[in-house]
Amino acid sequence: MTSLALRRLTLIAFAAPLVLGLASCKQEAATTAANSEAIAKVAAPAGKAWADVFAVTPEGGYRIGNPDAPIKLIEFGALSCSHCAEFAEQGFPKLRGEYVESGRVSYELRFVMLNQLDIPAAALATCGAPEAVLPLSEQFWVWQPNMFDSLQKAGDAQMKAIAELPARQQSAAIAQAAGMNEFFTSRGIAAEQGAACLADTSRVSGLVARDTDWKTKYGVSGTPTFYLNGANVGSLTWAALEPMIQNAGAR
């Protein structure tokens, strides 16, 4: 997408005030914590796998894994963030299949908004069953380059036209221009259902308010930002994060 088109998207006045510019899609180094004693694996309940145990957390995140896991990992991520997409590709399969499955680690995703693309993306990702949110998010990050290709093709004129629409129409227009509608429709979010979620101003306002609260409360200045057992360990690659999980006892 051209820089001008992205700037116009970022400057769109949406249904509720959105604090933009507090977060960026970046990754930073962090200091590896001292080794903790190795933690034994925790058996899942009979007939279940820990990676399939799902919950919406009281804070509004989406968590998989042992709810009593001694190692708790939270990702503050944005669906438009390329580094989040890299983490989803490089780290999530092993995180889910090895660490979460061991019962020693739980993983929670909390959506933040880097720009106006993230509002319709998050609204659509959370439009269906709650347990579908994480799979849809992982698939969206794989698909993400297609979104930027669609916006590039749309061009500055269409982005300017979207910025001039009434606020209640902008979310749907962004989703259409970015190709999000087709993505989510092909994955079980019916067109009518998605349109209703995008038009729900209270839903959009809730996403924006939560984003603002989390950025302030948790000091989220880049995505993905990870919290490990309550400590902000920074905006990291999987290669930097995995040793921290191991040092916390998952080894």
C-alpha atoms as a PDB file:
ATOM      1  CA  MET A   1       0.000   0.000   0.000  1.00  0.00           C
ATOM      2  CA  THR A   2       1.273   3.495  -0.748  1.00  0.00           C
ATOM      3  CA  SER A   3       2.337   5.580   2.224  1.00  0.00           C
ATOM      4  CA  LEU A   4      -0.287   8.188   1.352  1.00  0.00           C
ATOM      5  CA  ALA A   5      -3.069   5.593   1.326  1.00  0.00           C
ATOM      6  CA  LEU A   6      -1.952   4.199   4.667  1.00  0.00           C
ATOM      7  CA  ARG A   7      -1.783   7.695   6.150  1.00  0.00           C
ATOM      8  CA  ARG A   8      -5.327   8.403   5.026  1.00  0.00           C
ATOM      9  CA  LEU A   9      -6.522   5.162   6.571  1.00  0.00           C
ATOM     10  CA  THR A  10      -4.774   6.057   9.803  1.00  0.00           C
ATOM     11  CA  LEU A  11      -6.394   9.481   9.904  1.00  0.00           C
ATOM     12  CA  ILE A  12      -9.973   8.283   9.397  1.00  0.00           C
ATOM     13  CA  ALA A  13     -12.235   9.549  12.194  1.00  0.00           C
ATOM     14  CA  PHE A  14     -13.986   6.403  13.369  1.00  0.00           C
ATOM     15  CA  ALA A  15     -17.035   5.647  15.506  1.00  0.00           C
ATOM     16  CA  ALA A  16     -15.158   6.383  18.735  1.00  0.00           C
ATOM     17  CA  PRO A  17     -11.882   8.126  19.544  1.00  0.00           C
ATOM     18  CA  LEU A  18      -8.954   5.866  18.709  1.00  0.00           C
ATOM     19  CA  VAL A  19      -5.518   6.476  20.148  1.00  0.00           C
ATOM     20  CA  LEU A  20      -3.265   5.953  17.156  1.00  0.00           C
ATOM     21  CA  GLY A  21       0.473   6.251  17.105  1.00  0.00           C
ATOM     22  CA  LEU A  22       0.915   4.826  20.595  1.00  0.00           C
ATOM     23  CA  ALA A  23       1.759   1.458  19.140  1.00  0.00           C
ATOM     24  CA  SER A  24       3.711   0.413  16.096  1.00  0.00           C
ATOM     25  CA  CYS A  25       4.486  -2.876  14.462  1.00  0.00           C
ATOM     26  CA  LYS A  26       8.012  -3.391  15.755  1.00  0.00           C
ATOM     27  CA  GLN A  27      10.182  -5.847  17.612  1.00  0.00           C
ATOM     28  CA  GLU A  28      12.766  -5.163  20.258  1.00  0.00           C
ATOM     29  CA  ALA A  29      15.321  -7.168  22.142  1.00  0.00           C
ATOM     30  CA  ALA A  30      14.683  -8.103  25.763  1.00  0.00           C
ATOM     31  CA  THR A  31      16.820  -9.534  28.496  1.00  0.00           C
ATOM     32  CA  THR A  32      16.413 -13.263  29.101  1.00  0.00           C
ATOM     33  CA  ALA A  33      15.247 -13.960  32.632  1.00  0.00           C
ATOM     34  CA  ALA A  34      17.264 -16.151  34.969  1.00  0.00           C
ATOM     35  CA  ASN A  35      16.532 -19.848  34.825  1.00  0.00           C
ATOM     36  CA  SER A  36      13.716 -21.162  36.989  1.00  0.00           C
ATOM     37  CA  GLU A  37      13.439 -24.751  38.076  1.00  0.00           C
ATOM     38  CA  ALA A  38      12.069 -27.045  35.376  1.00  0.00           C
ATOM     39  CA  ILE A  39       8.326 -27.616  35.664  1.00  0.00           C
ATOM     40  CA  ALA A  40       6.813 -31.055  35.126  1.00  0.00           C
ATOM     41  CA  LYS A  41       4.242 -31.516  32.393  1.00  0.00           C
ATOM     42  CA  VAL A  42       0.614 -31.382  33.498  1.00  0.00           C
ATOM     43  CA  ALA A  43      -1.764 -34.058  32.258  1.00  0.00           C
ATOM     44  CA  ALA A  44      -4.862 -32.798  30.456  1.00  0.00           C
ATOM     45  CA  PRO A  45      -8.326 -33.908  31.581  1.00  0.00           C
ATOM     46  CA  ALA A  46      -9.352 -37.286  30.227  1.00  0.00           C
ATOM     47  CA  GLY A  47     -10.336 -37.143  26.579  1.00  0.00           C
ATOM     48  CA  LYS A  48      -9.020 -33.614  26.088  1.00  0.00           C
ATOM     49  CA  ALA A  49      -5.896 -31.865  24.847  1.00  0.00           C
ATOM     50  CA  TRP A  50      -4.743 -28.694  26.537  1.00  0.00           C
ATOM     51  CA  ALA A  51      -4.470 -26.851  23.215  1.00  0.00           C
ATOM     52  CA  ASP A  52      -8.205 -27.396  22.723  1.00  0.00           C
ATOM     53  CA  VAL A  53      -9.176 -25.992  26.126  1.00  0.00           C
ATOM     54  CA  PHE A  54     -10.438 -22.488  25.363  1.00  0.00           C
ATOM     55  CA  ALA A  55     -11.777 -19.561  27.353  1.00  0.00           C
ATOM     56  CA  VAL A  56     -12.604 -15.896  26.950  1.00  0.00           C
ATOM     57  CA  THR A  57     -10.766 -14.231  29.817  1.00  0.00           C
ATOM     58  CA  PRO A  58     -12.369 -11.656  32.128  1.00  0.00           C
ATOM     59  CA  GLU A  59     -10.086  -9.026  30.569  1.00  0.00           C
ATOM     60  CA  GLY A  60     -11.454  -9.767  27.098  1.00  0.00           C
ATOM     61  CA  GLY A  61      -8.666 -11.930  25.714  1.00  0.00           C
ATOM     62  CA  TYR A  62      -8.848 -15.345  24.038  1.00  0.00           C
ATOM     63  CA  ARG A  63      -6.920 -18.076  25.836  1.00  0.00           C
ATOM     64  CA  ILE A  64      -5.980 -21.661  25.101  1.00  0.00           C
ATOM     65  CA  GLY A  65      -4.337 -24.107  27.453  1.00  0.00           C
ATOM     66  CA  ASN A  66      -4.393 -25.104  31.072  1.00  0.00           C
ATOM     67  CA  PRO A  67      -6.162 -22.267  32.946  1.00  0.00           C
ATOM     68  CA  ASP A  68      -3.911 -23.037  35.930  1.00  0.00           C
ATOM     69  CA  ALA A  69      -0.711 -23.246  33.884  1.00  0.00           C
ATOM     70  CA  PRO A  70       2.274 -22.009  35.911  1.00  0.00           C
ATOM     71  CA  ILE A  71       3.573 -20.120  32.870  1.00  0.00           C
ATOM     72  CA  LYS A  72       1.144 -17.604  31.417  1.00  0.00           C
ATOM     73  CA  LEU A  73       1.892 -15.922  28.099  1.00  0.00           C
ATOM     74  CA  ILE A  74      -0.170 -13.000  26.797  1.00  0.00           C
ATOM     75  CA  GLU A  75       0.264 -11.522  23.336  1.00  0.00           C
ATOM     76  CA  PHE A  76      -0.996  -8.040  22.564  1.00  0.00           C
ATOM     77  CA  GLY A  77      -1.272  -8.358  18.805  1.00  0.00           C
ATOM     78  CA  ALA A  78      -2.749  -6.551  15.818  1.00  0.00           C
ATOM     79  CA  LEU A  79      -4.122  -8.290  12.761  1.00  0.00           C
ATOM     80  CA  SER A  80      -2.482  -5.720  10.472  1.00  0.00           C
ATOM     81  CA  CYS A  81       0.950  -6.189  12.074  1.00  0.00           C
ATOM     82  CA  SER A  82       3.537  -7.919   9.895  1.00  0.00           C
ATOM     83  CA  HIS A  83       5.659  -8.927  12.900  1.00  0.00           C
ATOM     84  CA  CYS A  84       2.610 -10.563  14.467  1.00  0.00           C
ATOM     85  CA  ALA A  85       2.196 -12.468  11.213  1.00  0.00           C
ATOM     86  CA  GLU A  86       5.828 -13.572  11.408  1.00  0.00           C
ATOM     87  CA  PHE A  87       5.327 -14.780  14.968  1.00  0.00           C
ATOM     88  CA  ALA A  88       2.194 -16.670  13.935  1.00  0.00           C
ATOM     89  CA  GLU A  89       4.144 -18.437  11.199  1.00  0.00           C
ATOM     90  CA  GLN A  90       7.408 -19.061  13.009  1.00  0.00           C
ATOM     91  CA  GLY A  91       6.335 -19.564  16.598  1.00  0.00           C
ATOM     92  CA  PHE A  92       2.692 -20.366  17.113  1.00  0.00           C
ATOM     93  CA  PRO A  93       2.732 -23.967  15.850  1.00  0.00           C
ATOM     94  CA  LYS A  94       5.475 -24.918  18.310  1.00  0.00           C
ATOM     95  CA  LEU A  95       4.004 -22.763  21.070  1.00  0.00           C
ATOM     96  CA  ARG A  96       0.671 -24.519  20.704  1.00  0.00           C
ATOM     97  CA  GLY A  97       1.881 -27.999  19.895  1.00  0.00           C
ATOM     98  CA  GLU A  98       4.709 -28.279  22.411  1.00  0.00           C
ATOM     99  CA  TYR A  99       4.412 -25.732  25.190  1.00  0.00           C
ATOM    100  CA  VAL A 100       0.647 -25.290  25.523  1.00  0.00           C
ATOM    101  CA  GLU A 101       0.044 -29.010  25.027  1.00  0.00           C
ATOM    102  CA  SER A 102       2.397 -29.738  27.928  1.00  0.00           C
ATOM    103  CA  GLY A 103      -0.010 -28.044  30.321  1.00  0.00           C
ATOM    104  CA  ARG A 104       2.794 -25.810  31.554  1.00  0.00           C
ATOM    105  CA  VAL A 105       1.993 -22.793  29.376  1.00  0.00           C
ATOM    106  CA  SER A 106      -1.244 -20.993  28.556  1.00  0.00           C
ATOM    107  CA  TYR A 107      -1.472 -18.530  25.673  1.00  0.00           C
ATOM    108  CA  GLU A 108      -3.834 -15.571  25.493  1.00  0.00           C
ATOM    109  CA  LEU A 109      -4.354 -13.179  22.575  1.00  0.00           C
ATOM    110  CA  ARG A 110      -5.572  -9.633  23.140  1.00  0.00           C
ATOM    111  CA  PHE A 111      -6.310  -7.449  20.129  1.00  0.00           C
ATOM    112  CA  VAL A 112      -4.871  -3.949  19.882  1.00  0.00           C
ATOM    113  CA  MET A 113      -5.384  -1.454  17.077  1.00  0.00           C
ATOM    114  CA  LEU A 114      -2.363  -0.186  15.181  1.00  0.00           C
ATOM    115  CA  ASN A 115      -4.466   1.605  12.569  1.00  0.00           C
ATOM    116  CA  GLN A 116      -7.946   1.675  11.053  1.00  0.00           C
ATOM    117  CA  LEU A 117      -7.436  -1.690   9.340  1.00  0.00           C
ATOM    118  CA  ASP A 118      -7.463  -3.427  12.703  1.00  0.00           C
ATOM    119  CA  ILE A 119     -10.945  -2.280  13.691  1.00  0.00           C
ATOM    120  CA  PRO A 120     -12.902  -4.130  10.969  1.00  0.00           C
ATOM    121  CA  ALA A 121     -10.419  -7.017  11.096  1.00  0.00           C
ATOM    122  CA  ALA A 122     -10.936  -7.516  14.824  1.00  0.00           C
ATOM    123  CA  ALA A 123     -14.685  -6.947  14.551  1.00  0.00           C
ATOM    124  CA  LEU A 124     -14.954  -9.702  11.938  1.00  0.00           C
ATOM    125  CA  ALA A 125     -12.538 -12.072  13.681  1.00  0.00           C
ATOM    126  CA  THR A 126     -14.689 -11.890  16.819  1.00  0.00           C
ATOM    127  CA  CYS A 127     -18.012 -11.971  14.969  1.00  0.00           C
ATOM    128  CA  GLY A 128     -18.580 -15.726  15.217  1.00  0.00           C
ATOM    129  CA  ALA A 129     -18.111 -18.301  17.937  1.00  0.00           C
ATOM    130  CA  PRO A 130     -15.498 -17.206  20.516  1.00  0.00           C
ATOM    131  CA  GLU A 131     -13.554 -20.451  20.127  1.00  0.00           C
ATOM    132  CA  ALA A 132     -13.043 -19.605  16.429  1.00  0.00           C
ATOM    133  CA  VAL A 133     -11.218 -16.347  17.171  1.00  0.00           C
ATOM    134  CA  LEU A 134      -7.717 -17.788  17.578  1.00  0.00           C
ATOM    135  CA  PRO A 135      -7.875 -20.058  14.496  1.00  0.00           C
ATOM    136  CA  LEU A 136      -9.269 -17.173  12.428  1.00  0.00           C
ATOM    137  CA  SER A 137      -6.532 -14.861  13.665  1.00  0.00           C
ATOM    138  CA  GLU A 138      -3.771 -17.316  12.783  1.00  0.00           C
ATOM    139  CA  GLN A 139      -5.276 -17.778   9.325  1.00  0.00           C
ATOM    140  CA  PHE A 140      -5.661 -14.032   8.873  1.00  0.00           C
ATOM    141  CA  TRP A 141      -1.986 -13.459   9.587  1.00  0.00           C
ATOM    142  CA  VAL A 142      -1.080 -16.012   6.902  1.00  0.00           C
ATOM    143  CA  TRP A 143      -3.469 -14.258   4.493  1.00  0.00           C
ATOM    144  CA  GLN A 144      -2.335 -10.758   5.502  1.00  0.00           C
ATOM    145  CA  PRO A 145      -0.196  -9.998   2.380  1.00  0.00           C
ATOM    146  CA  ASN A 146      -3.362 -10.329   0.300  1.00  0.00           C
ATOM    147  CA  MET A 147      -4.933  -7.519   2.319  1.00  0.00           C
ATOM    148  CA  PHE A 148      -2.079  -5.160   1.505  1.00  0.00           C
ATOM    149  CA  ASP A 149      -2.189  -6.200  -2.148  1.00  0.00           C
ATOM    150  CA  SER A 150      -5.911  -5.356  -2.266  1.00  0.00           C
ATOM    151  CA  LEU A 151      -5.333  -1.955  -0.676  1.00  0.00           C
ATOM    152  CA  GLN A 152      -2.505  -1.238  -3.101  1.00  0.00           C
ATOM    153  CA  LYS A 153      -4.857  -1.982  -5.984  1.00  0.00           C
ATOM    154  CA  ALA A 154      -7.601   0.152  -4.468  1.00  0.00           C
ATOM    155  CA  GLY A 155      -5.316   3.177  -4.598  1.00  0.00           C
ATOM    156  CA  ASP A 156      -5.318   6.585  -2.984  1.00  0.00           C
ATOM    157  CA  ALA A 157      -8.565   7.749  -4.580  1.00  0.00           C
ATOM    158  CA  GLN A 158     -10.585   4.979  -2.966  1.00  0.00           C
ATOM    159  CA  MET A 159      -8.860   5.494   0.400  1.00  0.00           C
ATOM    160  CA  LYS A 160      -9.716   9.191   0.241  1.00  0.00           C
ATOM    161  CA  ALA A 161     -13.331   8.348  -0.586  1.00  0.00           C
ATOM    162  CA  ILE A 162     -13.505   6.021   2.431  1.00  0.00           C
ATOM    163  CA  ALA A 163     -12.144   8.761   4.682  1.00  0.00           C
ATOM    164  CA  GLU A 164     -14.946  11.040   3.544  1.00  0.00           C
ATOM    165  CA  LEU A 165     -17.735   8.548   4.304  1.00  0.00           C
ATOM    166  CA  PRO A 166     -19.921   8.904   7.413  1.00  0.00           C
ATOM    167  CA  ALA A 167     -18.248   7.169  10.360  1.00  0.00           C
ATOM    168  CA  ARG A 168     -20.853   4.400  10.534  1.00  0.00           C
ATOM    169  CA  GLN A 169     -20.021   3.343   6.948  1.00  0.00           C
ATOM    170  CA  GLN A 170     -16.243   3.389   7.106  1.00  0.00           C
ATOM    171  CA  SER A 171     -15.662   0.028   8.770  1.00  0.00           C
ATOM    172  CA  ALA A 172     -17.554  -1.856   6.091  1.00  0.00           C
ATOM    173  CA  ALA A 173     -15.848   0.134   3.333  1.00  0.00           C
ATOM    174  CA  ILE A 174     -12.380  -0.632   4.682  1.00  0.00           C
ATOM    175  CA  ALA A 175     -13.243  -4.316   4.999  1.00  0.00           C
ATOM    176  CA  GLN A 176     -14.476  -4.380   1.411  1.00  0.00           C
ATOM    177  CA  ALA A 177     -11.450  -2.552  -0.015  1.00  0.00           C
ATOM    178  CA  ALA A 178      -9.027  -4.778   1.900  1.00  0.00           C
ATOM    179  CA  GLY A 179     -10.689  -8.045   0.868  1.00  0.00           C
ATOM    180  CA  MET A 180     -11.579  -8.932   4.465  1.00  0.00           C
ATOM    181  CA  ASN A 181     -15.186  -9.754   3.597  1.00  0.00           C
ATOM    182  CA  GLU A 182     -14.178 -12.524   1.242  1.00  0.00           C
ATOM    183  CA  PHE A 183     -11.622 -13.879   3.703  1.00  0.00           C
ATOM    184  CA  PHE A 184     -14.061 -14.201   6.593  1.00  0.00           C
ATOM    185  CA  THR A 185     -17.000 -15.328   4.445  1.00  0.00           C
ATOM    186  CA  SER A 186     -14.902 -18.219   3.140  1.00  0.00           C
ATOM    187  CA  ARG A 187     -14.201 -19.219   6.755  1.00  0.00           C
ATOM    188  CA  GLY A 188     -17.721 -19.368   8.104  1.00  0.00           C
ATOM    189  CA  ILE A 189     -18.707 -15.774   8.859  1.00  0.00           C
ATOM    190  CA  ALA A 190     -21.787 -15.296   6.683  1.00  0.00           C
ATOM    191  CA  ALA A 191     -21.939 -12.051   4.712  1.00  0.00           C
ATOM    192  CA  GLU A 192     -25.027 -10.829   6.580  1.00  0.00           C
ATOM    193  CA  GLN A 193     -23.477 -11.727   9.921  1.00  0.00           C
ATOM    194  CA  GLY A 194     -20.264  -9.885   9.086  1.00  0.00           C
ATOM    195  CA  ALA A 195     -22.153  -6.826   7.858  1.00  0.00           C
ATOM    196  CA  ALA A 196     -24.101  -6.692  11.111  1.00  0.00           C
ATOM    197  CA  CYS A 197     -20.912  -6.874  13.180  1.00  0.00           C
ATOM    198  CA  LEU A 198     -19.294  -4.097  11.158  1.00  0.00           C
ATOM    199  CA  ALA A 199     -22.364  -1.886  11.497  1.00  0.00           C
ATOM    200  CA  ASP A 200     -22.617  -2.414  15.265  1.00  0.00           C
ATOM    201  CA  THR A 201     -21.229   0.876  16.563  1.00  0.00           C
ATOM    202  CA  SER A 202     -21.322  -0.268  20.183  1.00  0.00           C
ATOM    203  CA  ARG A 203     -19.178  -3.261  19.241  1.00  0.00           C
ATOM    204  CA  VAL A 204     -16.687  -1.036  17.429  1.00  0.00           C
ATOM    205  CA  SER A 205     -16.652   1.427  20.302  1.00  0.00           C
ATOM    206  CA  GLY A 206     -15.950  -1.442  22.709  1.00  0.00           C
ATOM    207  CA  LEU A 207     -12.955  -2.601  20.678  1.00  0.00           C
ATOM    208  CA  VAL A 208     -11.566   0.922  20.580  1.00  0.00           C
ATOM    209  CA  ALA A 209     -12.116   1.555  24.304  1.00  0.00           C
ATOM    210  CA  ARG A 210     -10.448  -1.724  25.257  1.00  0.00           C
ATOM    211  CA  ASP A 211      -7.519  -0.943  22.960  1.00  0.00           C
ATOM    212  CA  THR A 212      -7.010   2.430  24.610  1.00  0.00           C
ATOM    213  CA  ASP A 213      -7.236   0.921  28.082  1.00  0.00           C
ATOM    214  CA  TRP A 214      -4.740  -1.850  27.334  1.00  0.00           C
ATOM    215  CA  LYS A 215      -2.211   0.472  25.728  1.00  0.00           C
ATOM    216  CA  THR A 216      -2.313   2.675  28.801  1.00  0.00           C
ATOM    217  CA  LYS A 217      -2.499  -0.034  31.462  1.00  0.00           C
ATOM    218  CA  TYR A 218       0.062  -2.410  29.967  1.00  0.00           C
ATOM    219  CA  GLY A 219       2.400   0.015  28.220  1.00  0.00           C
ATOM    220  CA  VAL A 220       1.882  -1.519  24.790  1.00  0.00           C
ATOM    221  CA  SER A 221       4.024   0.530  22.409  1.00  0.00           C
ATOM    222  CA  GLY A 222       4.695  -2.118  19.762  1.00  0.00           C
ATOM    223  CA  THR A 223       3.239  -5.347  18.490  1.00  0.00           C
ATOM    224  CA  PRO A 224       3.452  -8.100  19.272  1.00  0.00           C
ATOM    225  CA  THR A 225       4.050  -7.186  22.909  1.00  0.00           C
ATOM    226  CA  PHE A 226       4.352 -10.187  25.223  1.00  0.00           C
ATOM    227  CA  TYR A 227       3.644 -10.502  28.905  1.00  0.00           C
ATOM    228  CA  LEU A 228       5.198 -13.538  30.556  1.00  0.00           C
ATOM    229  CA  ASN A 229       3.887 -14.296  34.036  1.00  0.00           C
ATOM    230  CA  GLY A 230       2.792 -10.721  34.467  1.00  0.00           C
ATOM    231  CA  ALA A 231       6.010  -9.082  33.235  1.00  0.00           C
ATOM    232  CA  ASN A 232       6.290  -7.104  30.010  1.00  0.00           C
ATOM    233  CA  VAL A 233       9.140  -8.819  28.136  1.00  0.00           C
ATOM    234  CA  GLY A 234       8.849  -6.618  25.081  1.00  0.00           C
ATOM    235  CA  SER A 235       8.061  -6.890  21.394  1.00  0.00           C
ATOM    236  CA  LEU A 236       9.892 -10.037  20.370  1.00  0.00           C
ATOM    237  CA  THR A 237      10.534 -12.607  17.700  1.00  0.00           C
ATOM    238  CA  TRP A 238       9.848 -16.248  18.496  1.00  0.00           C
ATOM    239  CA  ALA A 239      13.598 -16.884  18.555  1.00  0.00           C
ATOM    240  CA  ALA A 240      13.932 -14.380  21.396  1.00  0.00           C
ATOM    241  CA  LEU A 241      10.758 -15.401  23.240  1.00  0.00           C
ATOM    242  CA  GLU A 242      11.200 -19.180  23.283  1.00  0.00           C
ATOM    243  CA  PRO A 243      14.285 -19.150  25.560  1.00  0.00           C
ATOM    244  CA  MET A 244      12.323 -17.046  28.029  1.00  0.00           C
ATOM    245  CA  ILE A 245       9.546 -19.626  28.116  1.00  0.00           C
ATOM    246  CA  GLN A 246      12.124 -22.334  28.634  1.00  0.00           C
ATOM    247  CA  ASN A 247      13.892 -20.352  31.345  1.00  0.00           C
ATOM    248  CA  ALA A 248      10.538 -19.933  33.095  1.00  0.00           C
ATOM    249  CA  GLY A 249      10.461 -23.719  33.482  1.00  0.00           C
ATOM    250  CA  ALA A 250       9.032 -25.188  30.281  1.00  0.00           C
ATOM    251  CA  ARG A 251      11.984 -27.390  29.368  1.00  0.00           C
END
